Amino acid sequence: MAEFTTGEAVALELPIARIPTRATAFVIDVVVQVVLGFACVLAIMTVLRPARLDSAWLDAMVLVTIVGVLVGYPVTCETVWRGRTLGKLLLGLRVVRADGGPIDFRHALTRGLTGAIVDFWMLGGFGAIAVLTSICSPTARRVGDVLAGTVVVHAQRALPPPALAAAPPWLTGWSAQLDLSGLPDEVALTVRQYLTRFRTLTPATQHHLGTALVAEVCGRLGVAPPPGYPPLHVLGAVIAERQRRVLPSPMFVPPMPRTRQPGPVSAAM
């Protein structure tokens, strides 16, 4: 078992997938890839041979098709099925980020390219490198997992939904204009943990820790914090906007109703 703290400050404990189970899933995927490869090559030969193309063109197209199947199959499946290929689906495995969250196309592409070049085929000795690196890793990560920042786990149930922040409506215009690419995941995780634990903190800790986090976040983003608003509002607006951009079809928890928009708080607060 390994414990993950997701980017949304959700604690997960998931069993790591080890070599025997991953190897079985890999064999299933290889069989599927072989069938797809033969079907694609047969289709190309059937369609293009009557055109009497030069054999070099046919060889090139067949090579491109084989490479496309080797890379395209895992990348497409893991992107569409959120970390699963057919083999992983049958064995109850899933690829997740190192923080336990779902992967996206970038992670799947990194794993697919590294698998074809390093772990399995071109340089991998038909999986020898993947096996060696998995044995040496405490979380059974191959080279592709290390480069992509992913882990393969047993996860037959869906990952729990993230805890979403509620954006103060009076700061949504300000947060919508931010360039959030400069906000690292570890800083965002710290902010989300602060928001999650806010009610359990003492007023002094709420103020001092929140002020420090606002300075850290705004420094990373290269902007000045909106003057007069408490750290809870500023940090909530930033994280809510980040979740809106990153999460698919997010559904925000509505803020508590107010009869009027509050103005900036005084410096004494």
C-alpha atoms as a PDB file:
ATOM      1  CA  MET A   1       0.000   0.000   0.000  1.00  0.00           C
ATOM      2  CA  ALA A   2       1.100   3.570  -0.655  1.00  0.00           C
ATOM      3  CA  GLU A   3      -0.439   6.748   0.685  1.00  0.00           C
ATOM      4  CA  PHE A   4      -1.058   9.637  -1.714  1.00  0.00           C
ATOM      5  CA  THR A   5      -2.080  13.191  -0.997  1.00  0.00           C
ATOM      6  CA  THR A   6      -3.843  14.428  -4.097  1.00  0.00           C
ATOM      7  CA  GLY A   7      -3.534  17.892  -5.523  1.00  0.00           C
ATOM      8  CA  GLU A   8      -6.926  18.628  -4.007  1.00  0.00           C
ATOM      9  CA  ALA A   9      -5.741  17.713  -0.474  1.00  0.00           C
ATOM     10  CA  VAL A  10      -7.537  14.345  -0.484  1.00  0.00           C
ATOM     11  CA  ALA A  11      -5.693  11.498   1.276  1.00  0.00           C
ATOM     12  CA  LEU A  12      -5.731   8.198  -0.638  1.00  0.00           C
ATOM     13  CA  GLU A  13      -4.267   4.813   0.203  1.00  0.00           C
ATOM     14  CA  LEU A  14      -3.901   2.619  -2.868  1.00  0.00           C
ATOM     15  CA  PRO A  15      -2.038  -0.674  -3.437  1.00  0.00           C
ATOM     16  CA  ILE A  16       0.920  -0.416  -5.818  1.00  0.00           C
ATOM     17  CA  ALA A  17       0.756  -2.670  -8.894  1.00  0.00           C
ATOM     18  CA  ARG A  18       3.785  -4.960  -8.976  1.00  0.00           C
ATOM     19  CA  ILE A  19       5.589  -6.660 -11.851  1.00  0.00           C
ATOM     20  CA  PRO A  20       3.497  -9.883 -12.219  1.00  0.00           C
ATOM     21  CA  THR A  21       0.192  -8.033 -12.551  1.00  0.00           C
ATOM     22  CA  ARG A  22       1.646  -5.311 -14.758  1.00  0.00           C
ATOM     23  CA  ALA A  23       3.350  -7.896 -16.952  1.00  0.00           C
ATOM     24  CA  THR A  24       0.047  -9.726 -17.454  1.00  0.00           C
ATOM     25  CA  ALA A  25      -1.683  -6.480 -18.429  1.00  0.00           C
ATOM     26  CA  PHE A  26       1.225  -5.666 -20.746  1.00  0.00           C
ATOM     27  CA  VAL A  27       0.933  -9.045 -22.529  1.00  0.00           C
ATOM     28  CA  ILE A  28      -2.779  -8.455 -23.093  1.00  0.00           C
ATOM     29  CA  ASP A  29      -2.031  -5.018 -24.532  1.00  0.00           C
ATOM     30  CA  VAL A  30       0.697  -6.447 -26.788  1.00  0.00           C
ATOM     31  CA  VAL A  31      -1.765  -8.993 -28.197  1.00  0.00           C
ATOM     32  CA  VAL A  32      -4.231  -6.184 -28.901  1.00  0.00           C
ATOM     33  CA  GLN A  33      -1.481  -4.112 -30.534  1.00  0.00           C
ATOM     34  CA  VAL A  34      -0.392  -7.032 -32.732  1.00  0.00           C
ATOM     35  CA  VAL A  35      -3.957  -7.535 -33.936  1.00  0.00           C
ATOM     36  CA  LEU A  36      -4.362  -3.803 -34.609  1.00  0.00           C
ATOM     37  CA  GLY A  37      -0.998  -3.662 -36.364  1.00  0.00           C
ATOM     38  CA  PHE A  38      -1.782  -6.567 -38.674  1.00  0.00           C
ATOM     39  CA  ALA A  39      -5.207  -5.101 -39.456  1.00  0.00           C
ATOM     40  CA  CYS A  40      -3.734  -1.701 -40.301  1.00  0.00           C
ATOM     41  CA  VAL A  41      -0.917  -3.161 -42.409  1.00  0.00           C
ATOM     42  CA  LEU A  42      -3.363  -5.393 -44.267  1.00  0.00           C
ATOM     43  CA  ALA A  43      -5.616  -2.418 -44.940  1.00  0.00           C
ATOM     44  CA  ILE A  44      -2.684  -0.378 -46.267  1.00  0.00           C
ATOM     45  CA  MET A  45      -1.509  -3.189 -48.543  1.00  0.00           C
ATOM     46  CA  THR A  46      -5.037  -3.765 -49.840  1.00  0.00           C
ATOM     47  CA  VAL A  47      -5.672  -0.102 -50.583  1.00  0.00           C
ATOM     48  CA  LEU A  48      -2.274   0.965 -51.920  1.00  0.00           C
ATOM     49  CA  ARG A  49      -0.992  -2.047 -53.851  1.00  0.00           C
ATOM     50  CA  PRO A  50      -3.335  -1.446 -56.831  1.00  0.00           C
ATOM     51  CA  ALA A  51      -1.812   2.044 -57.072  1.00  0.00           C
ATOM     52  CA  ARG A  52       1.586   0.389 -57.754  1.00  0.00           C
ATOM     53  CA  LEU A  53       3.505   2.667 -55.429  1.00  0.00           C
ATOM     54  CA  ASP A  54       7.222   2.220 -55.020  1.00  0.00           C
ATOM     55  CA  SER A  55       8.061  -0.464 -52.463  1.00  0.00           C
ATOM     56  CA  ALA A  56       9.989   2.092 -50.398  1.00  0.00           C
ATOM     57  CA  TRP A  57       6.757   4.066 -49.918  1.00  0.00           C
ATOM     58  CA  LEU A  58       4.927   0.936 -48.802  1.00  0.00           C
ATOM     59  CA  ASP A  59       7.710   0.019 -46.384  1.00  0.00           C
ATOM     60  CA  ALA A  60       7.709   3.536 -44.943  1.00  0.00           C
ATOM     61  CA  MET A  61       3.954   3.551 -44.451  1.00  0.00           C
ATOM     62  CA  VAL A  62       4.019   0.131 -42.818  1.00  0.00           C
ATOM     63  CA  LEU A  63       6.783   1.299 -40.456  1.00  0.00           C
ATOM     64  CA  VAL A  64       4.846   4.449 -39.565  1.00  0.00           C
ATOM     65  CA  THR A  65       1.742   2.350 -38.926  1.00  0.00           C
ATOM     66  CA  ILE A  66       3.586  -0.039 -36.604  1.00  0.00           C
ATOM     67  CA  VAL A  67       5.142   2.814 -34.630  1.00  0.00           C
ATOM     68  CA  GLY A  68       1.782   4.557 -34.509  1.00  0.00           C
ATOM     69  CA  VAL A  69       0.140   1.461 -33.051  1.00  0.00           C
ATOM     70  CA  LEU A  70       2.910   0.927 -30.490  1.00  0.00           C
ATOM     71  CA  VAL A  71       2.675   4.527 -29.263  1.00  0.00           C
ATOM     72  CA  GLY A  72      -0.840   5.537 -30.247  1.00  0.00           C
ATOM     73  CA  TYR A  73      -2.652   2.624 -28.614  1.00  0.00           C
ATOM     74  CA  PRO A  74      -1.446   3.202 -25.021  1.00  0.00           C
ATOM     75  CA  VAL A  75      -1.542   6.986 -25.335  1.00  0.00           C
ATOM     76  CA  THR A  76      -5.092   7.029 -26.703  1.00  0.00           C
ATOM     77  CA  CYS A  77      -6.427   4.464 -24.231  1.00  0.00           C
ATOM     78  CA  GLU A  78      -4.815   6.031 -21.173  1.00  0.00           C
ATOM     79  CA  THR A  79      -6.038   9.483 -22.191  1.00  0.00           C
ATOM     80  CA  VAL A  80      -9.620   8.447 -22.959  1.00  0.00           C
ATOM     81  CA  TRP A  81      -9.984   5.931 -20.117  1.00  0.00           C
ATOM     82  CA  ARG A  82      -8.114   8.098 -17.583  1.00  0.00           C
ATOM     83  CA  GLY A  83      -5.087   5.898 -17.021  1.00  0.00           C
ATOM     84  CA  ARG A  84      -6.259   2.550 -18.348  1.00  0.00           C
ATOM     85  CA  THR A  85      -5.580   0.387 -21.377  1.00  0.00           C
ATOM     86  CA  LEU A  86      -7.550  -2.766 -22.142  1.00  0.00           C
ATOM     87  CA  GLY A  87      -5.031  -4.878 -20.236  1.00  0.00           C
ATOM     88  CA  LYS A  88      -5.070  -2.593 -17.213  1.00  0.00           C
ATOM     89  CA  LEU A  89      -8.866  -2.489 -17.294  1.00  0.00           C
ATOM     90  CA  LEU A  90      -9.102  -6.295 -17.195  1.00  0.00           C
ATOM     91  CA  LEU A  91      -6.572  -6.508 -14.341  1.00  0.00           C
ATOM     92  CA  GLY A  92      -8.061  -3.644 -12.326  1.00  0.00           C
ATOM     93  CA  LEU A  93      -5.052  -1.343 -12.761  1.00  0.00           C
ATOM     94  CA  ARG A  94      -4.901   2.381 -13.320  1.00  0.00           C
ATOM     95  CA  VAL A  95      -2.140   4.896 -13.997  1.00  0.00           C
ATOM     96  CA  VAL A  96      -2.363   7.872 -11.644  1.00  0.00           C
ATOM     97  CA  ARG A  97      -0.210  10.912 -11.028  1.00  0.00           C
ATOM     98  CA  ALA A  98       2.386  10.749  -8.283  1.00  0.00           C
ATOM     99  CA  ASP A  99      -0.065  12.697  -6.091  1.00  0.00           C
ATOM    100  CA  GLY A 100      -2.855  10.186  -6.773  1.00  0.00           C
ATOM    101  CA  GLY A 101      -4.788  12.359  -9.234  1.00  0.00           C
ATOM    102  CA  PRO A 102      -5.946  11.321 -12.727  1.00  0.00           C
ATOM    103  CA  ILE A 103      -3.505  11.630 -15.626  1.00  0.00           C
ATOM    104  CA  ASP A 104      -4.031  13.607 -18.811  1.00  0.00           C
ATOM    105  CA  PHE A 105      -2.693  13.475 -22.387  1.00  0.00           C
ATOM    106  CA  ARG A 106       0.716  14.875 -21.401  1.00  0.00           C
ATOM    107  CA  HIS A 107       1.342  12.062 -18.917  1.00  0.00           C
ATOM    108  CA  ALA A 108       0.067   9.392 -21.323  1.00  0.00           C
ATOM    109  CA  LEU A 109       2.222  10.709 -24.180  1.00  0.00           C
ATOM    110  CA  THR A 110       5.360  10.747 -22.021  1.00  0.00           C
ATOM    111  CA  ARG A 111       4.711   7.178 -20.873  1.00  0.00           C
ATOM    112  CA  GLY A 112       3.916   5.999 -24.402  1.00  0.00           C
ATOM    113  CA  LEU A 113       7.014   7.499 -26.028  1.00  0.00           C
ATOM    114  CA  THR A 114       9.314   6.367 -23.237  1.00  0.00           C
ATOM    115  CA  GLY A 115       7.808   2.889 -23.318  1.00  0.00           C
ATOM    116  CA  ALA A 116       8.420   2.549 -27.058  1.00  0.00           C
ATOM    117  CA  ILE A 117      11.959   3.974 -26.961  1.00  0.00           C
ATOM    118  CA  VAL A 118      13.441   3.089 -23.556  1.00  0.00           C
ATOM    119  CA  ASP A 119      11.363   0.671 -21.501  1.00  0.00           C
ATOM    120  CA  PHE A 120      10.263  -1.988 -23.987  1.00  0.00           C
ATOM    121  CA  TRP A 121      11.140  -1.862 -27.660  1.00  0.00           C
ATOM    122  CA  MET A 122      13.943   0.205 -29.205  1.00  0.00           C
ATOM    123  CA  LEU A 123      16.381   0.243 -26.268  1.00  0.00           C
ATOM    124  CA  GLY A 124      14.478  -1.717 -23.650  1.00  0.00           C
ATOM    125  CA  GLY A 125      15.389  -5.280 -24.560  1.00  0.00           C
ATOM    126  CA  PHE A 126      11.707  -6.260 -24.826  1.00  0.00           C
ATOM    127  CA  GLY A 127      10.928  -5.030 -21.321  1.00  0.00           C
ATOM    128  CA  ALA A 128      14.197  -5.762 -19.535  1.00  0.00           C
ATOM    129  CA  ILE A 129      14.785  -2.109 -18.619  1.00  0.00           C
ATOM    130  CA  ALA A 130      11.189  -1.719 -17.432  1.00  0.00           C
ATOM    131  CA  VAL A 131      11.549  -4.781 -15.170  1.00  0.00           C
ATOM    132  CA  LEU A 132      14.893  -3.666 -13.739  1.00  0.00           C
ATOM    133  CA  THR A 133      13.749  -0.126 -12.982  1.00  0.00           C
ATOM    134  CA  SER A 134      10.505  -1.413 -11.448  1.00  0.00           C
ATOM    135  CA  ILE A 135      12.440  -3.738  -9.158  1.00  0.00           C
ATOM    136  CA  CYS A 136      14.698  -0.886  -8.027  1.00  0.00           C
ATOM    137  CA  SER A 137      11.786   1.483  -7.394  1.00  0.00           C
ATOM    138  CA  PRO A 138       9.861   1.276  -4.090  1.00  0.00           C
ATOM    139  CA  THR A 139       6.677   2.128  -5.990  1.00  0.00           C
ATOM    140  CA  ALA A 140       7.458  -0.138  -8.991  1.00  0.00           C
ATOM    141  CA  ARG A 141       7.913   2.751 -11.412  1.00  0.00           C
ATOM    142  CA  ARG A 142       9.516   2.213 -14.798  1.00  0.00           C
ATOM    143  CA  VAL A 143      11.409   4.942 -16.656  1.00  0.00           C
ATOM    144  CA  GLY A 144       8.230   6.210 -18.305  1.00  0.00           C
ATOM    145  CA  ASP A 145       6.542   6.576 -14.920  1.00  0.00           C
ATOM    146  CA  VAL A 146       9.499   8.502 -13.511  1.00  0.00           C
ATOM    147  CA  LEU A 147       9.580  10.930 -16.442  1.00  0.00           C
ATOM    148  CA  ALA A 148       5.789  11.358 -16.494  1.00  0.00           C
ATOM    149  CA  GLY A 149       5.414  11.564 -12.712  1.00  0.00           C
ATOM    150  CA  THR A 150       2.996   8.633 -12.566  1.00  0.00           C
ATOM    151  CA  VAL A 151       2.400   5.412 -10.612  1.00  0.00           C
ATOM    152  CA  VAL A 152       0.431   2.289 -11.561  1.00  0.00           C
ATOM    153  CA  VAL A 153      -1.932   1.148  -8.806  1.00  0.00           C
ATOM    154  CA  HIS A 154      -4.742  -1.294  -8.175  1.00  0.00           C
ATOM    155  CA  ALA A 155      -7.833   0.893  -8.394  1.00  0.00           C
ATOM    156  CA  GLN A 156     -10.981  -0.965  -9.348  1.00  0.00           C
ATOM    157  CA  ARG A 157     -13.148   1.822  -8.076  1.00  0.00           C
ATOM    158  CA  ALA A 158     -13.230   5.365  -9.391  1.00  0.00           C
ATOM    159  CA  LEU A 159     -10.968   7.908  -7.741  1.00  0.00           C
ATOM    160  CA  PRO A 160     -12.835  10.154  -5.287  1.00  0.00           C
ATOM    161  CA  PRO A 161     -13.874  13.544  -6.653  1.00  0.00           C
ATOM    162  CA  PRO A 162     -11.662  16.437  -5.626  1.00  0.00           C
ATOM    163  CA  ALA A 163     -12.671  18.962  -3.015  1.00  0.00           C
ATOM    164  CA  LEU A 164     -13.475  22.063  -5.032  1.00  0.00           C
ATOM    165  CA  ALA A 165     -12.923  25.593  -3.819  1.00  0.00           C
ATOM    166  CA  ALA A 166     -15.679  28.202  -3.876  1.00  0.00           C
ATOM    167  CA  ALA A 167     -14.619  31.385  -5.621  1.00  0.00           C
ATOM    168  CA  PRO A 168     -15.727  34.653  -3.966  1.00  0.00           C
ATOM    169  CA  PRO A 169     -17.805  36.269  -6.727  1.00  0.00           C
ATOM    170  CA  TRP A 170     -16.279  39.699  -6.038  1.00  0.00           C
ATOM    171  CA  LEU A 171     -12.797  38.363  -6.946  1.00  0.00           C
ATOM    172  CA  THR A 172     -13.620  36.177  -9.954  1.00  0.00           C
ATOM    173  CA  GLY A 173     -12.845  38.977 -12.393  1.00  0.00           C
ATOM    174  CA  TRP A 174      -9.417  39.466 -10.836  1.00  0.00           C
ATOM    175  CA  SER A 175      -8.560  35.752 -10.750  1.00  0.00           C
ATOM    176  CA  ALA A 176      -9.781  35.143 -14.314  1.00  0.00           C
ATOM    177  CA  GLN A 177      -7.034  37.427 -15.646  1.00  0.00           C
ATOM    178  CA  LEU A 178      -4.186  35.627 -13.854  1.00  0.00           C
ATOM    179  CA  ASP A 179      -1.534  33.592 -15.637  1.00  0.00           C
ATOM    180  CA  LEU A 180      -1.496  30.542 -13.377  1.00  0.00           C
ATOM    181  CA  SER A 181       1.299  28.713 -15.199  1.00  0.00           C
ATOM    182  CA  GLY A 182       3.797  30.063 -12.666  1.00  0.00           C
ATOM    183  CA  LEU A 183       2.035  28.434  -9.705  1.00  0.00           C
ATOM    184  CA  PRO A 184       3.772  25.108  -8.874  1.00  0.00           C
ATOM    185  CA  ASP A 185       1.714  22.090  -7.845  1.00  0.00           C
ATOM    186  CA  GLU A 186       3.346  21.931  -4.407  1.00  0.00           C
ATOM    187  CA  VAL A 187       2.409  25.549  -3.624  1.00  0.00           C
ATOM    188  CA  ALA A 188      -1.143  24.969  -4.865  1.00  0.00           C
ATOM    189  CA  LEU A 189      -1.376  21.867  -2.682  1.00  0.00           C
ATOM    190  CA  THR A 190      -0.275  23.865   0.377  1.00  0.00           C
ATOM    191  CA  VAL A 191      -2.931  26.475  -0.355  1.00  0.00           C
ATOM    192  CA  ARG A 192      -5.635  23.829  -0.767  1.00  0.00           C
ATOM    193  CA  GLN A 193      -4.639  22.253   2.528  1.00  0.00           C
ATOM    194  CA  TYR A 194      -4.882  25.676   4.171  1.00  0.00           C
ATOM    195  CA  LEU A 195      -8.373  26.174   2.731  1.00  0.00           C
ATOM    196  CA  THR A 196      -9.451  22.683   3.792  1.00  0.00           C
ATOM    197  CA  ARG A 197      -8.187  23.087   7.365  1.00  0.00           C
ATOM    198  CA  PHE A 198      -9.119  26.760   7.715  1.00  0.00           C
ATOM    199  CA  ARG A 199     -11.932  26.203  10.238  1.00  0.00           C
ATOM    200  CA  THR A 200      -9.657  24.146  12.504  1.00  0.00           C
ATOM    201  CA  LEU A 201      -6.974  26.870  12.769  1.00  0.00           C
ATOM    202  CA  THR A 202      -6.822  29.561  15.404  1.00  0.00           C
ATOM    203  CA  PRO A 203      -7.582  33.122  14.228  1.00  0.00           C
ATOM    204  CA  ALA A 204      -3.925  34.090  14.616  1.00  0.00           C
ATOM    205  CA  THR A 205      -2.781  31.107  12.533  1.00  0.00           C
ATOM    206  CA  GLN A 206      -5.455  31.815   9.934  1.00  0.00           C
ATOM    207  CA  HIS A 207      -4.148  35.343   9.522  1.00  0.00           C
ATOM    208  CA  HIS A 208      -0.395  34.751   9.648  1.00  0.00           C
ATOM    209  CA  LEU A 209      -0.338  31.582   7.545  1.00  0.00           C
ATOM    210  CA  GLY A 210      -2.840  33.019   5.073  1.00  0.00           C
ATOM    211  CA  THR A 211      -0.839  36.237   4.698  1.00  0.00           C
ATOM    212  CA  ALA A 212       2.340  34.253   4.056  1.00  0.00           C
ATOM    213  CA  LEU A 213       0.587  32.097   1.459  1.00  0.00           C
ATOM    214  CA  VAL A 214      -0.871  35.136  -0.314  1.00  0.00           C
ATOM    215  CA  ALA A 215       2.619  36.649  -0.529  1.00  0.00           C
ATOM    216  CA  GLU A 216       4.022  33.353  -1.836  1.00  0.00           C
ATOM    217  CA  VAL A 217       1.265  32.849  -4.432  1.00  0.00           C
ATOM    218  CA  CYS A 218       1.226  36.421  -5.699  1.00  0.00           C
ATOM    219  CA  GLY A 219       5.025  36.435  -5.820  1.00  0.00           C
ATOM    220  CA  ARG A 220       4.991  33.312  -7.980  1.00  0.00           C
ATOM    221  CA  LEU A 221       2.347  34.832 -10.250  1.00  0.00           C
ATOM    222  CA  GLY A 222       4.062  38.227 -10.433  1.00  0.00           C
ATOM    223  CA  VAL A 223       0.965  40.186  -9.390  1.00  0.00           C
ATOM    224  CA  ALA A 224      -0.039  42.300  -6.432  1.00  0.00           C
ATOM    225  CA  PRO A 225      -2.812  40.889  -4.212  1.00  0.00           C
ATOM    226  CA  PRO A 226      -6.085  42.788  -4.348  1.00  0.00           C
ATOM    227  CA  PRO A 227      -5.820  45.297  -1.500  1.00  0.00           C
ATOM    228  CA  GLY A 228      -7.947  44.940   1.582  1.00  0.00           C
ATOM    229  CA  TYR A 229      -9.347  41.438   1.090  1.00  0.00           C
ATOM    230  CA  PRO A 230      -8.597  38.693   3.643  1.00  0.00           C
ATOM    231  CA  PRO A 231      -6.241  35.857   2.639  1.00  0.00           C
ATOM    232  CA  LEU A 232      -9.097  33.336   2.615  1.00  0.00           C
ATOM    233  CA  HIS A 233     -10.837  35.226  -0.203  1.00  0.00           C
ATOM    234  CA  VAL A 234      -7.691  35.761  -2.268  1.00  0.00           C
ATOM    235  CA  LEU A 235      -6.466  32.186  -1.974  1.00  0.00           C
ATOM    236  CA  GLY A 236      -9.927  30.777  -2.596  1.00  0.00           C
ATOM    237  CA  ALA A 237     -10.242  32.831  -5.769  1.00  0.00           C
ATOM    238  CA  VAL A 238      -6.868  31.660  -7.086  1.00  0.00           C
ATOM    239  CA  ILE A 239      -7.459  27.970  -6.365  1.00  0.00           C
ATOM    240  CA  ALA A 240     -11.027  28.030  -7.670  1.00  0.00           C
ATOM    241  CA  GLU A 241      -9.816  29.584 -10.931  1.00  0.00           C
ATOM    242  CA  ARG A 242      -7.027  27.025 -11.196  1.00  0.00           C
ATOM    243  CA  GLN A 243      -9.494  24.192 -10.711  1.00  0.00           C
ATOM    244  CA  ARG A 244     -11.854  25.716 -13.269  1.00  0.00           C
ATOM    245  CA  ARG A 245      -9.118  25.640 -15.889  1.00  0.00           C
ATOM    246  CA  VAL A 246      -7.656  22.239 -15.062  1.00  0.00           C
ATOM    247  CA  LEU A 247     -10.555  20.004 -14.067  1.00  0.00           C
ATOM    248  CA  PRO A 248     -12.897  18.671 -16.774  1.00  0.00           C
ATOM    249  CA  SER A 249     -16.384  20.201 -16.535  1.00  0.00           C
ATOM    250  CA  PRO A 250     -15.918  21.468 -12.992  1.00  0.00           C
ATOM    251  CA  MET A 251     -18.896  22.050 -10.765  1.00  0.00           C
ATOM    252  CA  PHE A 252     -18.143  24.664  -8.175  1.00  0.00           C
ATOM    253  CA  VAL A 253     -19.640  24.633  -4.737  1.00  0.00           C
ATOM    254  CA  PRO A 254     -21.712  27.825  -4.610  1.00  0.00           C
ATOM    255  CA  PRO A 255     -20.565  30.426  -2.111  1.00  0.00           C
ATOM    256  CA  MET A 256     -22.707  31.291   0.870  1.00  0.00           C
ATOM    257  CA  PRO A 257     -25.419  33.711  -0.192  1.00  0.00           C
ATOM    258  CA  ARG A 258     -24.953  37.351   0.675  1.00  0.00           C
ATOM    259  CA  THR A 259     -27.352  40.188   0.286  1.00  0.00           C
ATOM    260  CA  ARG A 260     -24.625  42.580  -0.792  1.00  0.00           C
ATOM    261  CA  GLN A 261     -21.052  42.419  -1.960  1.00  0.00           C
ATOM    262  CA  PRO A 262     -18.602  43.101   0.863  1.00  0.00           C
ATOM    263  CA  GLY A 263     -16.064  45.814   0.351  1.00  0.00           C
ATOM    264  CA  PRO A 264     -12.384  45.474   1.153  1.00  0.00           C
ATOM    265  CA  VAL A 265     -11.677  44.896   4.804  1.00  0.00           C
ATOM    266  CA  SER A 266      -9.760  47.454   6.759  1.00  0.00           C
ATOM    267  CA  ALA A 267      -6.035  47.101   7.372  1.00  0.00           C
ATOM    268  CA  ALA A 268      -6.739  46.405  11.054  1.00  0.00           C
ATOM    269  CA  MET A 269      -8.484  43.183  10.118  1.00  0.00           C
END
